[in-house]
C-alpha atoms as a PDB file:
ATOM      1  CA  PRO A   1       3.592 -12.807  48.617  1.00  0.00           C
ATOM      2  CA  GLU A   2       5.356  -9.631  49.635  1.00  0.00           C
ATOM      3  CA  GLU A   3       8.772 -11.026  48.705  1.00  0.00           C
ATOM      4  CA  LYS A   4       7.730 -11.758  45.131  1.00  0.00           C
ATOM      5  CA  ALA A   5       6.447  -8.192  44.830  1.00  0.00           C
ATOM      6  CA  LEU A   6      10.030  -7.031  45.252  1.00  0.00           C
ATOM      7  CA  ILE A   7      11.126  -8.748  42.020  1.00  0.00           C
ATOM      8  CA  PRO A   8      11.595  -5.938  39.490  1.00  0.00           C
ATOM      9  CA  LYS A   9       9.778  -5.801  36.181  1.00  0.00           C
ATOM     10  CA  PHE A  10      12.721  -5.483  33.850  1.00  0.00           C
ATOM     11  CA  GLU A  11      12.322  -3.437  30.682  1.00  0.00           C
ATOM     12  CA  LYS A  12      13.962  -6.321  28.834  1.00  0.00           C
ATOM     13  CA  ALA A  13      12.128  -9.610  28.697  1.00  0.00           C
ATOM     14  CA  ARG A  14      12.667 -12.159  31.449  1.00  0.00           C
ATOM     15  CA  ASP A  15      13.854 -14.642  28.856  1.00  0.00           C
ATOM     16  CA  GLU A  16      16.647 -12.270  27.910  1.00  0.00           C
ATOM     17  CA  TRP A  17      17.832 -12.001  31.506  1.00  0.00           C
ATOM     18  CA  LYS A  18      17.919 -15.790  31.717  1.00  0.00           C
ATOM     19  CA  VAL A  19      20.140 -15.827  28.662  1.00  0.00           C
ATOM     20  CA  VAL A  20      22.441 -13.205  30.146  1.00  0.00           C
ATOM     21  CA  SER A  21      22.590 -15.070  33.452  1.00  0.00           C
ATOM     22  CA  ARG A  22      23.871 -18.134  31.607  1.00  0.00           C
ATOM     23  CA  LYS A  23      26.680 -16.189  29.986  1.00  0.00           C
ATOM     24  CA  VAL A  24      30.136 -15.953  31.461  1.00  0.00           C
ATOM     25  CA  VAL A  25      30.299 -13.563  34.428  1.00  0.00           C
ATOM     26  CA  ASP A  26      33.835 -12.607  35.428  1.00  0.00           C
ATOM     27  CA  GLY A  27      35.156 -15.694  33.689  1.00  0.00           C
ATOM     28  CA  ARG A  28      32.634 -18.105  35.215  1.00  0.00           C
ATOM     29  CA  LEU A  29      29.177 -19.364  34.296  1.00  0.00           C
ATOM     30  CA  ALA A  30      26.261 -18.114  36.359  1.00  0.00           C
ATOM     31  CA  ASP A  31      24.571 -20.931  38.273  1.00  0.00           C
ATOM     32  CA  THR A  32      21.038 -21.207  36.858  1.00  0.00           C
ATOM     33  CA  ARG A  33      19.720 -24.041  39.006  1.00  0.00           C
ATOM     34  CA  GLU A  34      16.172 -23.229  40.089  1.00  0.00           C
ATOM     35  CA  GLY A  35      16.922 -22.423  43.721  1.00  0.00           C
ATOM     36  CA  ARG A  36      19.969 -20.309  42.887  1.00  0.00           C
ATOM     37  CA  ARG A  37      18.083 -18.444  40.144  1.00  0.00           C
ATOM     38  CA  GLU A  38      15.197 -17.641  42.484  1.00  0.00           C
ATOM     39  CA  ALA A  39      17.691 -16.331  45.055  1.00  0.00           C
ATOM     40  CA  LEU A  40      19.178 -14.071  42.374  1.00  0.00           C
ATOM     41  CA  ASP A  41      15.687 -12.911  41.337  1.00  0.00           C
ATOM     42  CA  LEU A  42      14.924 -11.836  44.879  1.00  0.00           C
ATOM     43  CA  SER A  43      18.355 -10.242  45.395  1.00  0.00           C
ATOM     44  CA  LEU A  44      17.912  -8.236  42.189  1.00  0.00           C
ATOM     45  CA  GLY A  45      14.510  -7.027  43.338  1.00  0.00           C
ATOM     46  CA  VAL A  46      15.689  -6.069  46.811  1.00  0.00           C
ATOM     47  CA  ALA A  47      18.732  -4.235  45.414  1.00  0.00           C
ATOM     48  CA  LYS A  48      16.571  -2.214  43.009  1.00  0.00           C
ATOM     49  CA  LYS A  49      14.048  -1.322  45.718  1.00  0.00           C
ATOM     50  CA  LYS A  50      16.774  -0.314  48.212  1.00  0.00           C
ATOM     51  CA  PHE A  51      18.272   2.220  45.831  1.00  0.00           C
ATOM     52  CA  GLU A  52      14.852   3.552  44.769  1.00  0.00           C
ATOM     53  CA  ASP A  53      13.465   3.941  48.300  1.00  0.00           C
ATOM     54  CA  LEU A  54      16.577   4.911  50.269  1.00  0.00           C
ATOM     55  CA  ASP A  55      18.581   6.990  47.779  1.00  0.00           C
ATOM     56  CA  LEU A  56      21.786   5.129  48.682  1.00  0.00           C
ATOM     57  CA  ASP A  57      25.303   6.149  47.721  1.00  0.00           C
ATOM     58  CA  LEU A  58      26.626   2.675  48.408  1.00  0.00           C
ATOM     59  CA  SER A  59      25.076  -0.641  49.426  1.00  0.00           C
ATOM     60  CA  ILE A  60      27.290  -2.888  51.569  1.00  0.00           C
ATOM     61  CA  TYR A  61      26.432  -6.569  51.909  1.00  0.00           C
ATOM     62  CA  VAL A  62      27.980  -8.061  55.061  1.00  0.00           C
ATOM     63  CA  VAL A  63      27.866 -11.746  54.179  1.00  0.00           C
ATOM     64  CA  ALA A  64      30.253 -14.688  54.569  1.00  0.00           C
ATOM     65  CA  ASP A  65      32.957 -15.260  51.979  1.00  0.00           C
ATOM     66  CA  GLU A  66      31.201 -18.458  50.873  1.00  0.00           C
ATOM     67  CA  GLN A  67      28.665 -16.256  49.056  1.00  0.00           C
ATOM     68  CA  ARG A  68      31.278 -14.392  47.023  1.00  0.00           C
ATOM     69  CA  TYR A  69      30.151 -16.024  43.749  1.00  0.00           C
ATOM     70  CA  HIS A  70      26.497 -15.051  44.341  1.00  0.00           C
ATOM     71  CA  PHE A  71      27.419 -11.394  44.749  1.00  0.00           C
ATOM     72  CA  ASP A  72      29.785 -11.405  41.760  1.00  0.00           C
ATOM     73  CA  VAL A  73      26.858 -12.527  39.588  1.00  0.00           C
ATOM     74  CA  LEU A  74      24.362 -10.202  41.305  1.00  0.00           C
ATOM     75  CA  PHE A  75      26.481  -7.073  40.878  1.00  0.00           C
ATOM     76  CA  GLU A  76      27.255  -7.968  37.265  1.00  0.00           C
ATOM     77  CA  LEU A  77      23.581  -8.406  36.384  1.00  0.00           C
ATOM     78  CA  LEU A  78      22.574  -5.197  38.176  1.00  0.00           C
ATOM     79  CA  ASP A  79      25.198  -3.366  36.157  1.00  0.00           C
ATOM     80  CA  ARG A  80      24.321  -5.003  32.810  1.00  0.00           C
ATOM     81  CA  PHE A  81      20.645  -4.145  33.168  1.00  0.00           C
ATOM     82  CA  ASN A  82      21.513  -0.550  34.163  1.00  0.00           C
ATOM     83  CA  ILE A  83      19.699  -1.019  37.473  1.00  0.00           C
ATOM     84  CA  VAL A  84      22.620  -0.206  39.782  1.00  0.00           C
ATOM     85  CA  ALA A  85      26.203   0.527  38.733  1.00  0.00           C
ATOM     86  CA  ARG A  86      28.709  -2.070  39.909  1.00  0.00           C
ATOM     87  CA  ASN A  87      30.684   0.473  41.974  1.00  0.00           C
ATOM     88  CA  LYS A  88      27.539   1.222  44.001  1.00  0.00           C
ATOM     89  CA  ASN A  89      27.560  -2.245  45.581  1.00  0.00           C
ATOM     90  CA  TYR A  90      30.182  -3.828  47.818  1.00  0.00           C
ATOM     91  CA  HIS A  91      30.406  -7.323  49.307  1.00  0.00           C
ATOM     92  CA  LEU A  92      32.055  -7.035  52.729  1.00  0.00           C
ATOM     93  CA  SER A  93      32.909 -10.680  53.209  1.00  0.00           C
ATOM     94  CA  TYR A  94      34.224 -12.427  56.294  1.00  0.00           C
ATOM     95  CA  GLY A  95      35.407 -15.914  57.204  1.00  0.00           C
ATOM     96  CA  MET A  96      33.102 -18.461  58.770  1.00  0.00           C
ATOM     97  CA  VAL A  97      33.144 -18.824  62.564  1.00  0.00           C
ATOM     98  CA  ASN A  98      34.530 -22.083  63.987  1.00  0.00           C
ATOM     99  CA  LEU A  99      34.370 -23.107  67.616  1.00  0.00           C
ATOM    100  CA  ALA A 100      37.451 -24.245  69.497  1.00  0.00           C
ATOM    101  CA  GLU A 101      35.890 -27.730  69.361  1.00  0.00           C
ATOM    102  CA  GLY A 102      35.954 -27.613  65.559  1.00  0.00           C
ATOM    103  CA  LYS A 103      33.877 -26.500  62.586  1.00  0.00           C
ATOM    104  CA  MET A 104      30.154 -26.180  63.284  1.00  0.00           C
ATOM    105  CA  SER A 105      28.014 -28.793  61.556  1.00  0.00           C
ATOM    106  CA  SER A 106      24.289 -29.364  61.975  1.00  0.00           C
ATOM    107  CA  ARG A 107      24.735 -32.913  60.646  1.00  0.00           C
ATOM    108  CA  LYS A 108      27.229 -33.724  63.407  1.00  0.00           C
ATOM    109  CA  GLY A 109      25.307 -31.785  66.038  1.00  0.00           C
ATOM    110  CA  ILE A 110      28.136 -29.265  66.513  1.00  0.00           C
ATOM    111  CA  VAL A 111      26.018 -26.107  66.433  1.00  0.00           C
ATOM    112  CA  ILE A 112      25.429 -23.355  68.958  1.00  0.00           C
ATOM    113  CA  LYS A 113      22.810 -20.621  68.785  1.00  0.00           C
ATOM    114  CA  MET A 114      23.904 -17.033  69.323  1.00  0.00           C
ATOM    115  CA  ASP A 115      21.487 -16.543  72.254  1.00  0.00           C
ATOM    116  CA  ASP A 116      22.811 -19.667  73.959  1.00  0.00           C
ATOM    117  CA  LEU A 117      26.407 -18.561  73.384  1.00  0.00           C
ATOM    118  CA  MET A 118      25.740 -15.097  74.822  1.00  0.00           C
ATOM    119  CA  ASP A 119      24.057 -16.627  77.893  1.00  0.00           C
ATOM    120  CA  GLU A 120      27.075 -18.873  78.409  1.00  0.00           C
ATOM    121  CA  LEU A 121      29.502 -15.957  78.031  1.00  0.00           C
ATOM    122  CA  HIS A 122      27.413 -13.902  80.468  1.00  0.00           C
ATOM    123  CA  ASP A 123      27.592 -16.665  83.114  1.00  0.00           C
ATOM    124  CA  MET A 124      31.341 -17.085  82.562  1.00  0.00           C
ATOM    125  CA  ALA A 125      31.845 -13.316  82.902  1.00  0.00           C
ATOM    126  CA  LYS A 126      29.902 -13.272  86.175  1.00  0.00           C
ATOM    127  CA  LYS A 127      32.127 -15.990  87.564  1.00  0.00           C
ATOM    128  CA  GLU A 128      35.305 -14.134  86.563  1.00  0.00           C
ATOM    129  CA  ILE A 129      34.057 -10.796  87.958  1.00  0.00           C
ATOM    130  CA  THR A 130      32.995 -12.378  91.272  1.00  0.00           C
ATOM    131  CA  GLN A 131      36.465 -13.882  91.684  1.00  0.00           C
ATOM    132  CA  ARG A 132      37.940 -10.403  91.284  1.00  0.00           C
ATOM    133  CA  ASP A 133      35.350  -8.596  93.438  1.00  0.00           C
ATOM    134  CA  SER A 134      33.532 -10.824  95.931  1.00  0.00           C
ATOM    135  CA  ASP A 135      31.661  -7.849  97.457  1.00  0.00           C
ATOM    136  CA  ILE A 136      29.991  -6.706  94.233  1.00  0.00           C
ATOM    137  CA  GLY A 137      26.205  -6.270  94.379  1.00  0.00           C
ATOM    138  CA  VAL A 138      23.801  -8.393  92.351  1.00  0.00           C
ATOM    139  CA  VAL A 139      22.603  -5.564  90.085  1.00  0.00           C
ATOM    140  CA  GLU A 140      26.083  -4.265  89.356  1.00  0.00           C
ATOM    141  CA  LEU A 141      27.314  -7.801  88.760  1.00  0.00           C
ATOM    142  CA  GLU A 142      24.648  -8.372  86.107  1.00  0.00           C
ATOM    143  CA  GLU A 143      25.338  -5.036  84.407  1.00  0.00           C
ATOM    144  CA  ARG A 144      29.087  -5.552  84.430  1.00  0.00           C
ATOM    145  CA  ALA A 145      28.811  -9.146  83.176  1.00  0.00           C
ATOM    146  CA  GLU A 146      26.592  -8.004  80.325  1.00  0.00           C
ATOM    147  CA  LYS A 147      29.105  -5.427  79.116  1.00  0.00           C
ATOM    148  CA  VAL A 148      32.085  -7.726  79.568  1.00  0.00           C
ATOM    149  CA  SER A 149      30.445 -10.603  77.661  1.00  0.00           C
ATOM    150  CA  LEU A 150      29.338  -8.303  74.827  1.00  0.00           C
ATOM    151  CA  ALA A 151      32.806  -6.763  74.641  1.00  0.00           C
ATOM    152  CA  ALA A 152      34.348 -10.234  74.507  1.00  0.00           C
ATOM    153  CA  MET A 153      32.059 -11.362  71.690  1.00  0.00           C
ATOM    154  CA  LYS A 154      32.174  -8.194  69.568  1.00  0.00           C
ATOM    155  CA  PHE A 155      35.902  -7.591  69.869  1.00  0.00           C
ATOM    156  CA  ASN A 156      36.722 -11.181  68.972  1.00  0.00           C
ATOM    157  CA  LEU A 157      34.576 -11.096  65.822  1.00  0.00           C
ATOM    158  CA  LEU A 158      35.691  -7.632  64.698  1.00  0.00           C
ATOM    159  CA  ASN A 159      39.383  -8.088  65.453  1.00  0.00           C
ATOM    160  CA  GLN A 160      39.903 -10.435  62.507  1.00  0.00           C
ATOM    161  CA  ASP A 161      41.543 -10.280  59.103  1.00  0.00           C
ATOM    162  CA  LYS A 162      38.876 -10.255  56.407  1.00  0.00           C
ATOM    163  CA  ASN A 163      38.018 -13.546  54.703  1.00  0.00           C
ATOM    164  CA  LYS A 164      39.983 -15.662  57.174  1.00  0.00           C
ATOM    165  CA  VAL A 165      38.220 -18.329  59.201  1.00  0.00           C
ATOM    166  CA  ILE A 166      37.380 -17.020  62.685  1.00  0.00           C
ATOM    167  CA  LEU A 167      38.242 -19.282  65.615  1.00  0.00           C
ATOM    168  CA  PHE A 168      35.981 -18.532  68.567  1.00  0.00           C
ATOM    169  CA  ASP A 169      37.384 -19.788  71.883  1.00  0.00           C
ATOM    170  CA  LYS A 170      35.117 -18.815  74.786  1.00  0.00           C
ATOM    171  CA  GLU A 171      37.828 -19.138  77.426  1.00  0.00           C
ATOM    172  CA  LYS A 172      40.405 -17.013  75.584  1.00  0.00           C
ATOM    173  CA  THR A 173      37.806 -14.453  74.486  1.00  0.00           C
ATOM    174  CA  LEU A 174      36.871 -13.652  78.096  1.00  0.00           C
ATOM    175  CA  LYS A 175      40.408 -13.286  79.429  1.00  0.00           C
ATOM    176  CA  PHE A 176      41.271  -9.961  81.090  1.00  0.00           C
ATOM    177  CA  GLU A 177      44.719  -9.979  79.545  1.00  0.00           C
ATOM    178  CA  GLY A 178      45.881 -10.294  75.961  1.00  0.00           C
ATOM    179  CA  GLU A 179      44.155  -9.143  72.772  1.00  0.00           C
ATOM    180  CA  THR A 180      40.573  -9.240  74.079  1.00  0.00           C
ATOM    181  CA  GLY A 181      37.619  -6.941  74.678  1.00  0.00           C
ATOM    182  CA  PRO A 182      37.709  -7.380  78.483  1.00  0.00           C
ATOM    183  CA  TYR A 183      41.390  -6.331  78.487  1.00  0.00           C
ATOM    184  CA  LEU A 184      40.455  -3.007  76.875  1.00  0.00           C
ATOM    185  CA  LEU A 185      37.587  -2.505  79.353  1.00  0.00           C
ATOM    186  CA  TYR A 186      39.983  -3.265  82.211  1.00  0.00           C
ATOM    187  CA  THR A 187      42.508  -0.732  80.906  1.00  0.00           C
ATOM    188  CA  TYR A 188      39.839   1.968  80.645  1.00  0.00           C
ATOM    189  CA  ALA A 189      38.598   1.201  84.185  1.00  0.00           C
ATOM    190  CA  ARG A 190      42.181   1.383  85.503  1.00  0.00           C
ATOM    191  CA  ILE A 191      42.634   4.850  84.003  1.00  0.00           C
ATOM    192  CA  ASN A 192      39.237   5.977  85.251  1.00  0.00           C
ATOM    193  CA  SER A 193      40.247   4.975  88.784  1.00  0.00           C
ATOM    194  CA  ILE A 194      43.444   7.058  88.478  1.00  0.00           C
ATOM    195  CA  LEU A 195      41.484  10.092  87.291  1.00  0.00           C
ATOM    196  CA  GLU A 196      38.929   9.757  90.089  1.00  0.00           C
ATOM    197  CA  LYS A 197      41.701   9.653  92.698  1.00  0.00           C
ATOM    198  CA  TYR A 198      43.376  12.672  91.134  1.00  0.00           C
ATOM    199  CA  GLY A 199      40.116  14.638  91.285  1.00  0.00           C
ATOM    200  CA  VAL A 200      38.339  16.672  88.630  1.00  0.00           C
ATOM    201  CA  GLU A 201      38.922  19.903  90.527  1.00  0.00           C
ATOM    202  CA  ASN A 202      42.685  19.381  90.238  1.00  0.00           C
ATOM    203  CA  PHE A 203      42.678  18.540  86.561  1.00  0.00           C
ATOM    204  CA  PRO A 204      45.023  20.768  84.492  1.00  0.00           C
ATOM    205  CA  LYS A 205      43.170  23.337  82.386  1.00  0.00           C
ATOM    206  CA  GLU A 206      45.393  22.857  79.348  1.00  0.00           C
ATOM    207  CA  PHE A 207      48.088  20.630  77.984  1.00  0.00           C
ATOM    208  CA  LEU A 208      51.289  22.533  77.252  1.00  0.00           C
ATOM    209  CA  SER A 209      53.894  21.073  74.918  1.00  0.00           C
ATOM    210  CA  ASP A 210      56.610  21.538  77.512  1.00  0.00           C
ATOM    211  CA  ASN A 211      54.627  19.179  79.776  1.00  0.00           C
ATOM    212  CA  MET A 212      55.548  16.304  77.498  1.00  0.00           C
ATOM    213  CA  SER A 213      58.547  14.459  78.867  1.00  0.00           C
ATOM    214  CA  LEU A 214      60.608  11.938  76.934  1.00  0.00           C
ATOM    215  CA  GLU A 215      58.878   8.860  78.376  1.00  0.00           C
ATOM    216  CA  ASN A 216      55.468  10.237  77.309  1.00  0.00           C
ATOM    217  CA  ARG A 217      56.303  10.799  73.675  1.00  0.00           C
ATOM    218  CA  GLU A 218      55.759   7.282  72.355  1.00  0.00           C
ATOM    219  CA  MET A 219      52.222   7.281  73.688  1.00  0.00           C
ATOM    220  CA  VAL A 220      51.531  10.814  72.474  1.00  0.00           C
ATOM    221  CA  VAL A 221      52.596   9.777  68.979  1.00  0.00           C
ATOM    222  CA  GLU A 222      50.322   6.724  69.170  1.00  0.00           C
ATOM    223  CA  ILE A 223      47.358   8.820  70.326  1.00  0.00           C
ATOM    224  CA  SER A 224      47.928  11.237  67.437  1.00  0.00           C
ATOM    225  CA  LYS A 225      47.282   8.395  64.961  1.00  0.00           C
ATOM    226  CA  PHE A 226      43.652   7.946  66.097  1.00  0.00           C
ATOM    227  CA  ASN A 227      41.923   9.954  63.343  1.00  0.00           C
ATOM    228  CA  GLU A 228      44.105   8.399  60.659  1.00  0.00           C
ATOM    229  CA  VAL A 229      43.257   4.914  61.950  1.00  0.00           C
ATOM    230  CA  ILE A 230      39.520   5.639  61.842  1.00  0.00           C
ATOM    231  CA  HIS A 231      39.711   6.916  58.261  1.00  0.00           C
ATOM    232  CA  ARG A 232      41.767   3.905  57.199  1.00  0.00           C
ATOM    233  CA  GLY A 233      39.357   1.475  58.825  1.00  0.00           C
ATOM    234  CA  VAL A 234      36.394   3.124  57.091  1.00  0.00           C
ATOM    235  CA  SER A 235      38.046   3.328  53.672  1.00  0.00           C
ATOM    236  CA  ASP A 236      39.157  -0.332  53.906  1.00  0.00           C
ATOM    237  CA  PHE A 237      35.802  -1.488  55.342  1.00  0.00           C
ATOM    238  CA  ASN A 238      37.868  -3.141  58.053  1.00  0.00           C
ATOM    239  CA  PRO A 239      37.058  -2.633  61.775  1.00  0.00           C
ATOM    240  CA  ALA A 240      40.118  -4.724  62.700  1.00  0.00           C
ATOM    241  CA  VAL A 241      42.275  -1.703  61.828  1.00  0.00           C
ATOM    242  CA  LEU A 242      40.694   0.136  64.757  1.00  0.00           C
ATOM    243  CA  SER A 243      40.467  -2.807  67.174  1.00  0.00           C
ATOM    244  CA  LYS A 244      44.142  -3.693  66.766  1.00  0.00           C
ATOM    245  CA  TYR A 245      45.137  -0.032  67.210  1.00  0.00           C
ATOM    246  CA  LEU A 246      43.126   0.178  70.460  1.00  0.00           C
ATOM    247  CA  TYR A 247      44.751  -2.993  71.772  1.00  0.00           C
ATOM    248  CA  ASN A 248      48.242  -1.675  71.002  1.00  0.00           C
ATOM    249  CA  LEU A 249      47.419   1.635  72.701  1.00  0.00           C
ATOM    250  CA  ALA A 250      46.104  -0.159  75.804  1.00  0.00           C
ATOM    251  CA  LYS A 251      49.184  -2.363  75.906  1.00  0.00           C
ATOM    252  CA  LEU A 252      51.408   0.699  75.590  1.00  0.00           C
ATOM    253  CA  PHE A 253      49.619   2.458  78.458  1.00  0.00           C
ATOM    254  CA  ASN A 254      49.781  -0.566  80.755  1.00  0.00           C
ATOM    255  CA  SER A 255      53.505  -0.862  80.098  1.00  0.00           C
ATOM    256  CA  PHE A 256      53.867   2.850  80.937  1.00  0.00           C
ATOM    257  CA  TYR A 257      51.764   2.371  84.081  1.00  0.00           C
ATOM    258  CA  HIS A 258      54.063  -0.379  85.361  1.00  0.00           C
ATOM    259  CA  HIS A 259      57.241   1.608  84.674  1.00  0.00           C
ATOM    260  CA  TYR A 260      56.277   5.115  85.855  1.00  0.00           C
ATOM    261  CA  ARG A 261      54.401   6.445  88.843  1.00  0.00           C
ATOM    262  CA  ILE A 262      51.455   8.661  87.999  1.00  0.00           C
ATOM    263  CA  LEU A 263      49.675   9.986  91.098  1.00  0.00           C
ATOM    264  CA  ASP A 264      52.777   9.788  93.270  1.00  0.00           C
ATOM    265  CA  ALA A 265      55.213  11.091  90.672  1.00  0.00           C
ATOM    266  CA  LYS A 266      58.291  12.880  91.987  1.00  0.00           C
ATOM    267  CA  THR A 267      57.210  16.343  90.828  1.00  0.00           C
ATOM    268  CA  GLU A 268      53.883  18.085  90.204  1.00  0.00           C
ATOM    269  CA  HIS A 269      54.984  18.697  86.632  1.00  0.00           C
ATOM    270  CA  GLU A 270      55.423  14.941  86.030  1.00  0.00           C
ATOM    271  CA  LYS A 271      52.128  14.141  87.724  1.00  0.00           C
ATOM    272  CA  GLU A 272      50.175  16.639  85.617  1.00  0.00           C
ATOM    273  CA  SER A 273      51.661  15.484  82.320  1.00  0.00           C
ATOM    274  CA  ARG A 274      51.022  11.816  83.150  1.00  0.00           C
ATOM    275  CA  VAL A 275      47.453  12.439  84.286  1.00  0.00           C
ATOM    276  CA  ILE A 276      46.716  14.324  81.057  1.00  0.00           C
ATOM    277  CA  LEU A 277      48.253  11.500  79.074  1.00  0.00           C
ATOM    278  CA  ALA A 278      46.124   8.926  80.917  1.00  0.00           C
ATOM    279  CA  PHE A 279      43.025  11.020  80.266  1.00  0.00           C
ATOM    280  CA  CYS A 280      43.779  11.179  76.530  1.00  0.00           C
ATOM    281  CA  VAL A 281      44.280   7.409  76.352  1.00  0.00           C
ATOM    282  CA  ALA A 282      40.974   6.872  78.177  1.00  0.00           C
ATOM    283  CA  MET A 283      39.114   9.127  75.729  1.00  0.00           C
ATOM    284  CA  VAL A 284      40.580   7.365  72.706  1.00  0.00           C
ATOM    285  CA  LEU A 285      39.671   3.976  74.172  1.00  0.00           C
ATOM    286  CA  LYS A 286      36.129   5.095  75.009  1.00  0.00           C
ATOM    287  CA  ILE A 287      35.441   6.651  71.601  1.00  0.00           C
ATOM    288  CA  GLY A 288      37.167   3.842  69.707  1.00  0.00           C
ATOM    289  CA  LEU A 289      35.265   1.134  71.553  1.00  0.00           C
ATOM    290  CA  LYS A 290      32.003   3.009  70.999  1.00  0.00           C
ATOM    291  CA  LEU A 291      32.699   2.984  67.260  1.00  0.00           C
ATOM    292  CA  LEU A 292      33.026  -0.810  67.543  1.00  0.00           C
ATOM    293  CA  GLY A 293      29.714  -0.991  69.398  1.00  0.00           C
ATOM    294  CA  ILE A 294      31.325  -1.682  72.770  1.00  0.00           C
ATOM    295  CA  GLY A 295      30.473   0.220  75.949  1.00  0.00           C
ATOM    296  CA  VAL A 296      33.040   0.907  78.694  1.00  0.00           C
ATOM    297  CA  LEU A 297      32.831   0.358  82.452  1.00  0.00           C
ATOM    298  CA  PRO A 298      33.942   2.930  85.060  1.00  0.00           C
ATOM    299  CA  LYS A 299      35.294   0.163  87.294  1.00  0.00           C
ATOM    300  CA  MET A 300      36.074  -3.546  87.049  1.00  0.00           C
END
């Protein structure tokens, strides 16, 4: 079989590797039960082939925290046999996903397939969108529901502390307010509507420092953190760093929106500075969401 062909032919005898696998690895004994050992055999082979064929700098395994022990043993063996150095592999673990109804269990029949869940979220999104816009066309409704449901799912799963159990509540995930994907899409669409009303032809050619009034500064400071947040999220292998930043930025803008007039500001100077600020927030939201695999909507 093709899978068995991936198992590497170690320079040292197979018997020796079995001995090593029984030794203490990071203070614990490697599990040498037949099924576990075969899984390690295959993982060793795949790891070796990946680095040989793809010339990787780093291999990241995105697998649940329950498999932490497997990867501790795998990385140790790869290092001991001089196949792949330990610092070339990383286990990006995450907590298991529980439904609001409780922990999923095939034995108890509490299981839901991803396709079924996405279909359910899509239907729920359509219902919510129709309540907000009863005149929306069928095609646009389907497209908008698809993006809203995907945003709800992705944001909820990515906006989590690593290794903690993830609670997935369909109702809360699809809300248009609070720390959700749809809330960020709604904020972007709100800003896009402001910019469309202002008109591209009227858009200021440059942003001058003296355009920044006192009430704008908090948001300007927050926007300036964008690159730092991206670098921190990448270095920590933690997308939640970015998702939480985007939510805070959206919340900050919406608070600003409710306190200050933008298009009907008292002076042209105020209007220009606020429009530029709104544009910058929209760009950060759009780029940040794209990095999380979430597309925006021009209107909601």
